[in-house]
N, C-alpha and C. Protein backbone atom coordinates (compact mmCIF):
# COMPACT_ATOMS: atom_id res chain seq x y z
N MET A 1 13.29 -3.77 5.64
CA MET A 1 13.65 -3.74 7.03
C MET A 1 12.86 -2.62 7.72
N LEU A 2 12.79 -2.67 9.00
CA LEU A 2 11.98 -1.73 9.75
C LEU A 2 12.69 -1.32 11.02
N ARG A 3 12.65 -0.04 11.30
CA ARG A 3 13.08 0.50 12.59
C ARG A 3 11.96 1.38 13.08
N SER A 4 11.77 1.48 14.37
CA SER A 4 10.70 2.32 14.90
C SER A 4 11.20 3.15 16.07
N SER A 5 10.48 4.24 16.31
CA SER A 5 10.80 5.13 17.41
C SER A 5 9.52 5.44 18.18
N GLU A 6 9.61 5.40 19.47
CA GLU A 6 8.46 5.72 20.33
C GLU A 6 8.63 7.10 20.99
N ASP A 7 9.71 7.80 20.68
CA ASP A 7 9.98 9.09 21.32
C ASP A 7 10.33 10.17 20.30
N ASN A 8 9.56 10.20 19.22
CA ASN A 8 9.73 11.21 18.17
C ASN A 8 11.13 11.24 17.57
N GLY A 9 11.74 10.08 17.43
CA GLY A 9 13.03 9.98 16.75
C GLY A 9 14.25 10.20 17.61
N GLN A 10 14.10 10.31 18.91
CA GLN A 10 15.26 10.46 19.78
C GLN A 10 16.07 9.16 19.86
N THR A 11 15.37 8.04 19.94
CA THR A 11 16.02 6.73 19.93
C THR A 11 15.26 5.83 18.96
N TRP A 12 15.95 4.78 18.49
CA TRP A 12 15.37 3.89 17.48
C TRP A 12 15.55 2.44 17.90
N SER A 13 14.61 1.61 17.50
CA SER A 13 14.70 0.17 17.76
C SER A 13 15.79 -0.44 16.87
N PRO A 14 16.21 -1.66 17.22
CA PRO A 14 17.12 -2.35 16.31
C PRO A 14 16.43 -2.62 14.98
N ILE A 15 17.20 -2.88 13.95
CA ILE A 15 16.64 -3.22 12.64
C ILE A 15 15.95 -4.58 12.74
N ARG A 16 14.73 -4.63 12.19
CA ARG A 16 13.97 -5.88 12.14
C ARG A 16 13.60 -6.16 10.68
N PHE A 17 13.34 -7.40 10.41
CA PHE A 17 12.91 -7.81 9.08
C PHE A 17 11.55 -8.50 9.21
N PRO A 18 10.49 -7.72 9.40
CA PRO A 18 9.19 -8.32 9.72
C PRO A 18 8.53 -9.06 8.57
N PHE A 19 9.02 -8.93 7.35
CA PHE A 19 8.33 -9.51 6.22
C PHE A 19 9.08 -10.68 5.59
N LEU A 20 10.18 -11.11 6.19
CA LEU A 20 10.93 -12.21 5.60
C LEU A 20 10.09 -13.47 5.48
N GLY A 21 9.11 -13.63 6.33
CA GLY A 21 8.29 -14.83 6.29
C GLY A 21 7.58 -15.03 4.97
N PHE A 22 7.25 -13.95 4.25
CA PHE A 22 6.58 -14.13 2.97
C PHE A 22 7.40 -13.58 1.81
N SER A 23 8.57 -13.07 2.08
CA SER A 23 9.38 -12.51 1.00
C SER A 23 10.39 -13.54 0.52
N ASP A 24 9.91 -14.61 -0.04
CA ASP A 24 10.75 -15.68 -0.53
C ASP A 24 10.71 -15.68 -2.06
N PRO A 25 11.79 -15.27 -2.71
CA PRO A 25 11.77 -15.16 -4.17
C PRO A 25 11.49 -16.48 -4.88
N LYS A 26 11.67 -17.62 -4.22
CA LYS A 26 11.40 -18.91 -4.86
C LYS A 26 9.91 -19.14 -5.02
N THR A 27 9.09 -18.50 -4.17
CA THR A 27 7.66 -18.77 -4.23
C THR A 27 6.81 -17.54 -4.57
N THR A 28 7.25 -16.37 -4.23
CA THR A 28 6.38 -15.21 -4.45
C THR A 28 7.03 -14.04 -5.14
N GLY A 29 8.27 -14.12 -5.52
CA GLY A 29 8.90 -12.98 -6.17
C GLY A 29 9.64 -12.12 -5.15
N ASN A 30 10.13 -11.01 -5.60
CA ASN A 30 10.87 -10.10 -4.73
C ASN A 30 10.03 -8.88 -4.42
N PHE A 31 10.02 -8.49 -3.18
CA PHE A 31 9.21 -7.34 -2.78
C PHE A 31 10.04 -6.07 -2.83
N PHE A 32 9.38 -4.98 -3.15
CA PHE A 32 10.06 -3.71 -3.30
C PHE A 32 9.07 -2.59 -3.04
N GLN A 33 9.54 -1.41 -3.00
CA GLN A 33 8.73 -0.20 -2.91
C GLN A 33 7.48 -0.38 -2.06
N ASN A 34 7.41 0.37 -0.99
CA ASN A 34 6.26 0.26 -0.11
C ASN A 34 5.70 1.64 0.18
N GLN A 35 4.52 1.64 0.74
CA GLN A 35 3.85 2.89 1.08
C GLN A 35 3.10 2.67 2.39
N LEU A 36 3.28 3.58 3.32
CA LEU A 36 2.62 3.48 4.62
C LEU A 36 1.35 4.32 4.62
N LEU A 37 0.33 3.77 5.25
CA LEU A 37 -0.96 4.44 5.36
C LEU A 37 -1.45 4.26 6.79
N TRP A 38 -1.70 5.37 7.48
CA TRP A 38 -2.12 5.33 8.89
C TRP A 38 -3.61 5.61 8.97
N ASP A 39 -4.36 4.72 9.62
CA ASP A 39 -5.79 4.93 9.88
C ASP A 39 -5.92 5.40 11.32
N ALA A 40 -6.13 6.69 11.51
CA ALA A 40 -6.19 7.28 12.84
C ALA A 40 -7.43 6.83 13.61
N GLN A 41 -8.49 6.46 12.91
CA GLN A 41 -9.70 6.04 13.60
C GLN A 41 -9.54 4.66 14.24
N THR A 42 -8.87 3.74 13.57
CA THR A 42 -8.70 2.39 14.12
C THR A 42 -7.31 2.20 14.72
N LYS A 43 -6.46 3.21 14.62
CA LYS A 43 -5.08 3.14 15.11
C LYS A 43 -4.35 1.95 14.48
N THR A 44 -4.48 1.85 13.16
CA THR A 44 -3.88 0.75 12.41
C THR A 44 -2.93 1.30 11.35
N ALA A 45 -1.73 0.74 11.31
CA ALA A 45 -0.79 1.07 10.24
C ALA A 45 -0.95 0.02 9.15
N HIS A 46 -1.13 0.49 7.93
CA HIS A 46 -1.23 -0.40 6.77
C HIS A 46 0.01 -0.17 5.91
N LEU A 47 0.66 -1.24 5.54
CA LEU A 47 1.82 -1.15 4.68
C LEU A 47 1.49 -1.84 3.36
N LEU A 48 1.53 -1.08 2.28
CA LEU A 48 1.28 -1.59 0.94
C LEU A 48 2.64 -1.90 0.33
N ILE A 49 2.79 -3.11 -0.17
CA ILE A 49 4.10 -3.55 -0.66
C ILE A 49 3.96 -4.04 -2.09
N GLY A 50 4.85 -3.59 -2.96
CA GLY A 50 4.84 -4.03 -4.35
C GLY A 50 5.62 -5.31 -4.51
N ASN A 51 5.18 -6.15 -5.43
CA ASN A 51 5.87 -7.38 -5.77
C ASN A 51 6.39 -7.21 -7.19
N VAL A 52 7.58 -7.70 -7.44
CA VAL A 52 8.16 -7.58 -8.78
C VAL A 52 7.17 -8.16 -9.78
N THR A 53 6.81 -7.37 -10.77
CA THR A 53 5.74 -7.78 -11.68
C THR A 53 6.17 -8.87 -12.65
N ASP A 54 7.47 -9.10 -12.78
CA ASP A 54 7.87 -10.20 -13.65
C ASP A 54 8.34 -11.40 -12.84
N GLY A 55 7.96 -11.42 -11.56
CA GLY A 55 8.30 -12.56 -10.70
C GLY A 55 7.44 -13.77 -11.04
N PRO A 56 7.56 -14.84 -10.29
CA PRO A 56 6.78 -16.05 -10.57
C PRO A 56 5.29 -15.73 -10.64
N GLY A 57 4.64 -16.11 -11.70
CA GLY A 57 3.20 -15.87 -11.85
C GLY A 57 2.88 -14.57 -12.54
N GLY A 58 3.76 -13.60 -12.48
CA GLY A 58 3.49 -12.31 -13.11
C GLY A 58 2.29 -11.59 -12.52
N CYS A 59 1.85 -10.53 -13.12
CA CYS A 59 0.68 -9.77 -12.67
C CYS A 59 -0.54 -10.28 -13.42
N ASP A 60 -1.08 -11.39 -12.98
CA ASP A 60 -2.16 -12.01 -13.71
C ASP A 60 -3.54 -11.77 -13.12
N GLY A 61 -3.64 -11.01 -12.03
CA GLY A 61 -4.93 -10.70 -11.45
C GLY A 61 -5.50 -11.79 -10.57
N SER A 62 -4.79 -12.88 -10.39
CA SER A 62 -5.30 -13.94 -9.53
C SER A 62 -5.03 -13.57 -8.07
N GLU A 63 -5.60 -14.35 -7.18
CA GLU A 63 -5.44 -14.04 -5.76
C GLU A 63 -4.14 -14.64 -5.23
N ASN A 64 -3.04 -14.28 -5.84
CA ASN A 64 -1.75 -14.67 -5.31
C ASN A 64 -1.01 -13.40 -4.93
N LEU A 65 0.24 -13.52 -4.58
CA LEU A 65 0.95 -12.34 -4.10
C LEU A 65 1.67 -11.61 -5.22
N ASP A 66 0.97 -11.36 -6.31
CA ASP A 66 1.52 -10.57 -7.41
C ASP A 66 0.94 -9.17 -7.33
N GLY A 67 1.62 -8.20 -7.90
CA GLY A 67 1.10 -6.84 -7.88
C GLY A 67 1.37 -6.18 -6.55
N MET A 68 0.36 -6.04 -5.71
CA MET A 68 0.53 -5.43 -4.39
C MET A 68 -0.04 -6.32 -3.31
N VAL A 69 0.59 -6.26 -2.15
CA VAL A 69 0.07 -6.94 -0.98
C VAL A 69 -0.09 -5.92 0.13
N LEU A 70 -0.91 -6.26 1.12
CA LEU A 70 -1.19 -5.39 2.25
C LEU A 70 -0.91 -6.16 3.53
N VAL A 71 -0.16 -5.54 4.43
CA VAL A 71 0.01 -6.05 5.79
C VAL A 71 -0.38 -4.93 6.73
N SER A 72 -0.90 -5.28 7.90
CA SER A 72 -1.39 -4.27 8.84
C SER A 72 -0.87 -4.56 10.24
N SER A 73 -0.76 -3.49 11.03
CA SER A 73 -0.30 -3.61 12.42
C SER A 73 -1.16 -2.73 13.31
N THR A 74 -1.61 -3.30 14.41
CA THR A 74 -2.38 -2.52 15.39
C THR A 74 -1.56 -2.27 16.65
N ASP A 75 -0.29 -2.67 16.65
CA ASP A 75 0.56 -2.47 17.83
C ASP A 75 1.82 -1.67 17.49
N ARG A 76 1.62 -0.67 16.65
CA ARG A 76 2.69 0.26 16.30
C ARG A 76 3.88 -0.42 15.63
N GLY A 77 3.59 -1.43 14.80
CA GLY A 77 4.63 -2.07 14.01
C GLY A 77 5.38 -3.19 14.70
N GLN A 78 4.98 -3.58 15.88
CA GLN A 78 5.67 -4.68 16.56
C GLN A 78 5.36 -6.01 15.89
N THR A 79 4.10 -6.20 15.49
CA THR A 79 3.70 -7.40 14.77
C THR A 79 2.85 -6.97 13.58
N TRP A 80 2.83 -7.83 12.55
CA TRP A 80 2.11 -7.52 11.31
C TRP A 80 1.23 -8.69 10.92
N SER A 81 0.13 -8.38 10.27
CA SER A 81 -0.78 -9.42 9.79
C SER A 81 -0.13 -10.22 8.67
N LYS A 82 -0.76 -11.31 8.33
CA LYS A 82 -0.33 -12.09 7.18
C LYS A 82 -0.56 -11.26 5.92
N ALA A 83 0.34 -11.36 4.97
CA ALA A 83 0.20 -10.61 3.72
C ALA A 83 -0.99 -11.12 2.94
N LYS A 84 -1.77 -10.19 2.39
CA LYS A 84 -2.88 -10.58 1.53
C LYS A 84 -2.85 -9.72 0.28
N PRO A 85 -3.28 -10.29 -0.84
CA PRO A 85 -3.28 -9.52 -2.08
C PRO A 85 -4.21 -8.32 -1.95
N LEU A 86 -3.81 -7.21 -2.51
CA LEU A 86 -4.65 -6.03 -2.51
C LEU A 86 -5.40 -6.01 -3.84
N LEU A 87 -6.66 -6.39 -3.79
CA LEU A 87 -7.47 -6.47 -4.99
C LEU A 87 -8.24 -5.17 -5.18
N LEU A 88 -8.21 -4.64 -6.39
CA LEU A 88 -8.86 -3.37 -6.70
C LEU A 88 -9.90 -3.57 -7.79
N PRO A 89 -11.18 -3.76 -7.41
CA PRO A 89 -12.22 -3.88 -8.45
C PRO A 89 -12.24 -2.63 -9.32
N ASN A 90 -12.56 -2.80 -10.56
CA ASN A 90 -12.67 -1.71 -11.53
C ASN A 90 -11.35 -1.05 -11.87
N SER A 91 -10.23 -1.59 -11.41
CA SER A 91 -8.94 -1.00 -11.75
C SER A 91 -8.64 -1.25 -13.22
N PRO A 92 -8.04 -0.27 -13.90
CA PRO A 92 -7.68 -0.48 -15.30
C PRO A 92 -6.56 -1.49 -15.48
N THR A 93 -5.89 -1.88 -14.40
CA THR A 93 -4.82 -2.87 -14.46
C THR A 93 -4.67 -3.55 -13.11
N THR A 94 -4.20 -4.80 -13.12
CA THR A 94 -3.87 -5.49 -11.87
C THR A 94 -2.38 -5.38 -11.58
N CYS A 95 -1.64 -4.87 -12.51
CA CYS A 95 -0.19 -4.80 -12.41
C CYS A 95 0.22 -3.46 -11.79
N LEU A 96 0.12 -3.34 -10.48
CA LEU A 96 0.39 -2.08 -9.80
C LEU A 96 1.42 -2.26 -8.70
N ALA A 97 2.09 -1.18 -8.38
CA ALA A 97 2.98 -1.11 -7.23
C ALA A 97 2.67 0.21 -6.51
N PRO A 98 2.89 0.27 -5.20
CA PRO A 98 2.70 1.55 -4.52
C PRO A 98 3.73 2.56 -5.01
N THR A 99 3.36 3.80 -5.08
CA THR A 99 4.32 4.84 -5.42
C THR A 99 5.11 5.22 -4.18
N SER A 100 6.18 5.97 -4.36
CA SER A 100 6.91 6.44 -3.20
C SER A 100 6.04 7.47 -2.48
N GLY A 101 6.30 7.71 -1.26
CA GLY A 101 5.47 8.63 -0.48
C GLY A 101 4.60 7.85 0.49
N HIS A 102 3.42 8.37 0.78
CA HIS A 102 2.54 7.72 1.74
C HIS A 102 1.10 7.96 1.35
N GLY A 103 0.22 7.15 1.92
CA GLY A 103 -1.21 7.34 1.71
C GLY A 103 -1.75 8.32 2.74
N VAL A 104 -3.01 8.70 2.58
CA VAL A 104 -3.63 9.65 3.52
C VAL A 104 -5.01 9.15 3.93
N GLN A 105 -5.47 9.69 5.04
CA GLN A 105 -6.84 9.48 5.47
C GLN A 105 -7.54 10.83 5.48
N MET A 106 -8.71 10.87 4.84
CA MET A 106 -9.49 12.10 4.87
C MET A 106 -9.87 12.40 6.31
N ASN A 107 -10.05 13.66 6.62
CA ASN A 107 -10.39 14.08 7.97
C ASN A 107 -11.62 13.32 8.46
N PRO A 108 -11.48 12.52 9.54
CA PRO A 108 -12.62 11.74 10.04
C PRO A 108 -13.81 12.59 10.48
N LYS A 109 -13.56 13.86 10.78
CA LYS A 109 -14.64 14.74 11.21
C LYS A 109 -15.03 15.74 10.12
N GLY A 110 -14.44 15.56 8.94
CA GLY A 110 -14.71 16.47 7.84
C GLY A 110 -16.06 16.21 7.20
N GLN A 111 -16.44 17.12 6.33
CA GLN A 111 -17.72 17.01 5.65
C GLN A 111 -17.63 16.17 4.39
N PHE A 112 -16.43 16.07 3.82
CA PHE A 112 -16.27 15.38 2.54
C PHE A 112 -15.59 14.03 2.73
N LEU A 113 -16.28 12.94 2.51
CA LEU A 113 -15.75 11.59 2.58
C LEU A 113 -14.96 11.33 3.88
N PRO A 114 -15.59 11.53 5.04
CA PRO A 114 -14.86 11.42 6.31
C PRO A 114 -14.26 10.02 6.52
N GLY A 115 -12.97 9.99 6.85
CA GLY A 115 -12.28 8.75 7.17
C GLY A 115 -11.80 7.94 5.99
N ARG A 116 -12.07 8.39 4.76
CA ARG A 116 -11.65 7.62 3.58
C ARG A 116 -10.13 7.49 3.54
N LEU A 117 -9.63 6.29 3.25
CA LEU A 117 -8.21 6.02 3.07
C LEU A 117 -7.90 6.08 1.58
N LEU A 118 -6.78 6.72 1.22
CA LEU A 118 -6.39 6.88 -0.19
C LEU A 118 -4.90 6.60 -0.37
N PHE A 119 -4.56 5.98 -1.48
CA PHE A 119 -3.15 5.89 -1.87
C PHE A 119 -3.06 5.81 -3.38
N VAL A 120 -1.85 6.01 -3.90
CA VAL A 120 -1.62 5.99 -5.34
C VAL A 120 -0.79 4.75 -5.69
N GLY A 121 -1.22 4.04 -6.73
CA GLY A 121 -0.45 2.92 -7.27
C GLY A 121 0.00 3.27 -8.68
N VAL A 122 1.14 2.73 -9.08
CA VAL A 122 1.68 3.02 -10.41
C VAL A 122 1.66 1.75 -11.26
N HIS A 123 1.29 1.90 -12.53
CA HIS A 123 1.26 0.79 -13.49
C HIS A 123 2.53 0.83 -14.31
N ASN A 124 3.56 0.21 -13.81
CA ASN A 124 4.87 0.21 -14.46
C ASN A 124 5.27 1.64 -14.85
N ALA A 125 6.38 1.78 -15.51
CA ALA A 125 6.90 3.11 -15.82
C ALA A 125 6.06 3.81 -16.88
N TYR A 126 5.49 4.90 -16.51
CA TYR A 126 4.80 5.82 -17.42
C TYR A 126 3.58 5.23 -18.14
N HIS A 127 2.96 4.20 -17.55
CA HIS A 127 1.71 3.69 -18.09
C HIS A 127 0.51 4.35 -17.41
N GLY A 128 0.75 5.06 -16.31
CA GLY A 128 -0.33 5.74 -15.61
C GLY A 128 -0.44 5.31 -14.15
N ASP A 129 -1.21 6.08 -13.40
CA ASP A 129 -1.41 5.83 -11.98
C ASP A 129 -2.86 5.46 -11.71
N VAL A 130 -3.08 4.82 -10.58
CA VAL A 130 -4.42 4.45 -10.14
C VAL A 130 -4.59 4.93 -8.70
N ILE A 131 -5.68 5.61 -8.42
CA ILE A 131 -6.00 6.02 -7.05
C ILE A 131 -6.84 4.90 -6.43
N ALA A 132 -6.39 4.39 -5.29
CA ALA A 132 -7.15 3.36 -4.57
C ALA A 132 -7.74 4.01 -3.32
N TYR A 133 -8.95 3.59 -2.95
CA TYR A 133 -9.59 4.16 -1.77
C TYR A 133 -10.43 3.12 -1.05
N SER A 134 -10.54 3.31 0.27
CA SER A 134 -11.34 2.42 1.11
C SER A 134 -12.18 3.27 2.04
N ASP A 135 -13.45 2.92 2.14
CA ASP A 135 -14.35 3.60 3.07
C ASP A 135 -14.70 2.71 4.26
N ASP A 136 -14.03 1.56 4.38
CA ASP A 136 -14.32 0.65 5.49
C ASP A 136 -13.03 0.21 6.20
N HIS A 137 -12.11 1.13 6.36
CA HIS A 137 -10.86 0.91 7.12
C HIS A 137 -10.02 -0.22 6.55
N ALA A 138 -9.86 -0.24 5.22
CA ALA A 138 -8.97 -1.15 4.49
C ALA A 138 -9.48 -2.58 4.40
N LYS A 139 -10.76 -2.79 4.70
CA LYS A 139 -11.32 -4.14 4.52
C LYS A 139 -11.52 -4.42 3.02
N THR A 140 -12.06 -3.45 2.31
CA THR A 140 -12.23 -3.57 0.86
C THR A 140 -11.72 -2.29 0.21
N TRP A 141 -11.39 -2.40 -1.05
CA TRP A 141 -10.82 -1.28 -1.79
C TRP A 141 -11.56 -1.10 -3.12
N GLN A 142 -11.60 0.12 -3.57
CA GLN A 142 -12.10 0.49 -4.90
C GLN A 142 -10.99 1.27 -5.59
N SER A 143 -11.19 1.56 -6.86
CA SER A 143 -10.14 2.29 -7.57
C SER A 143 -10.74 3.28 -8.56
N SER A 144 -9.92 4.26 -8.88
CA SER A 144 -10.26 5.24 -9.90
C SER A 144 -9.16 5.22 -10.94
N GLY A 145 -9.55 5.11 -12.18
CA GLY A 145 -8.57 5.12 -13.27
C GLY A 145 -8.42 6.48 -13.92
N ALA A 146 -8.91 7.54 -13.27
CA ALA A 146 -8.86 8.88 -13.86
C ALA A 146 -7.44 9.33 -14.19
N LEU A 147 -6.45 8.82 -13.47
CA LEU A 147 -5.05 9.19 -13.73
C LEU A 147 -4.28 8.08 -14.45
N HIS A 148 -5.00 7.08 -14.96
CA HIS A 148 -4.34 6.01 -15.68
C HIS A 148 -4.16 6.43 -17.14
N LEU A 149 -3.20 7.32 -17.33
CA LEU A 149 -2.94 7.92 -18.63
C LEU A 149 -1.47 7.74 -18.99
N PRO A 150 -1.16 7.42 -20.23
CA PRO A 150 0.24 7.29 -20.63
C PRO A 150 1.02 8.56 -20.26
N GLY A 151 2.21 8.35 -19.73
CA GLY A 151 3.06 9.48 -19.36
C GLY A 151 3.01 9.81 -17.88
N LEU A 152 1.95 9.43 -17.18
CA LEU A 152 1.89 9.68 -15.74
C LEU A 152 2.60 8.55 -15.01
N ASP A 153 3.35 8.92 -13.96
CA ASP A 153 4.15 7.93 -13.25
C ASP A 153 4.46 8.43 -11.85
N GLU A 154 4.33 7.54 -10.86
CA GLU A 154 4.75 7.84 -9.49
C GLU A 154 4.04 9.05 -8.90
N GLY A 155 2.72 9.12 -9.02
CA GLY A 155 1.96 10.21 -8.42
C GLY A 155 2.05 10.19 -6.91
N SER A 156 1.70 11.29 -6.32
CA SER A 156 1.69 11.41 -4.86
C SER A 156 0.36 12.02 -4.46
N ILE A 157 -0.02 11.84 -3.21
CA ILE A 157 -1.30 12.34 -2.74
C ILE A 157 -1.09 13.08 -1.43
N ALA A 158 -1.85 14.15 -1.26
CA ALA A 158 -1.77 14.93 -0.02
C ALA A 158 -3.16 15.45 0.30
N GLN A 159 -3.42 15.64 1.57
CA GLN A 159 -4.69 16.24 1.98
C GLN A 159 -4.43 17.68 2.39
N MET A 160 -5.18 18.58 1.81
CA MET A 160 -5.05 20.00 2.13
C MET A 160 -6.06 20.35 3.20
N PRO A 161 -5.74 21.33 4.05
CA PRO A 161 -6.71 21.71 5.09
C PRO A 161 -7.99 22.29 4.50
């Protein structure tokens, strides 16, 4: 469900269910755990949503709604794009869910990887984490398996000044 505020939390919209259109357990499994990622350059909110990995089809790496899906909004969450699978080339696993917390965007005016979008995905409990990143405003994604180590779980990411 989703609620939004346009006045820094003084008032809130009614509860909405913007994802019911694709959250049908008979066809795609049950959705859970999400992570928000804001692209300040394009003014786009990206919501990464995990799908139950033992749902219909399982985490098989095909282009269905298993693992993680991405929906985006350019109107501050009033409407959302159609869900699409979040494919991560070179990932050590296709069976990922977003961790709790949020993704970050590198400083668009910084010297190091300006504007890069980053988030952390988890490979089931304690199988390790995967860092996903996009340098083209979430059109395509790459991954790093540097943290895909047994015992790591639910990593978080932050940008330091």
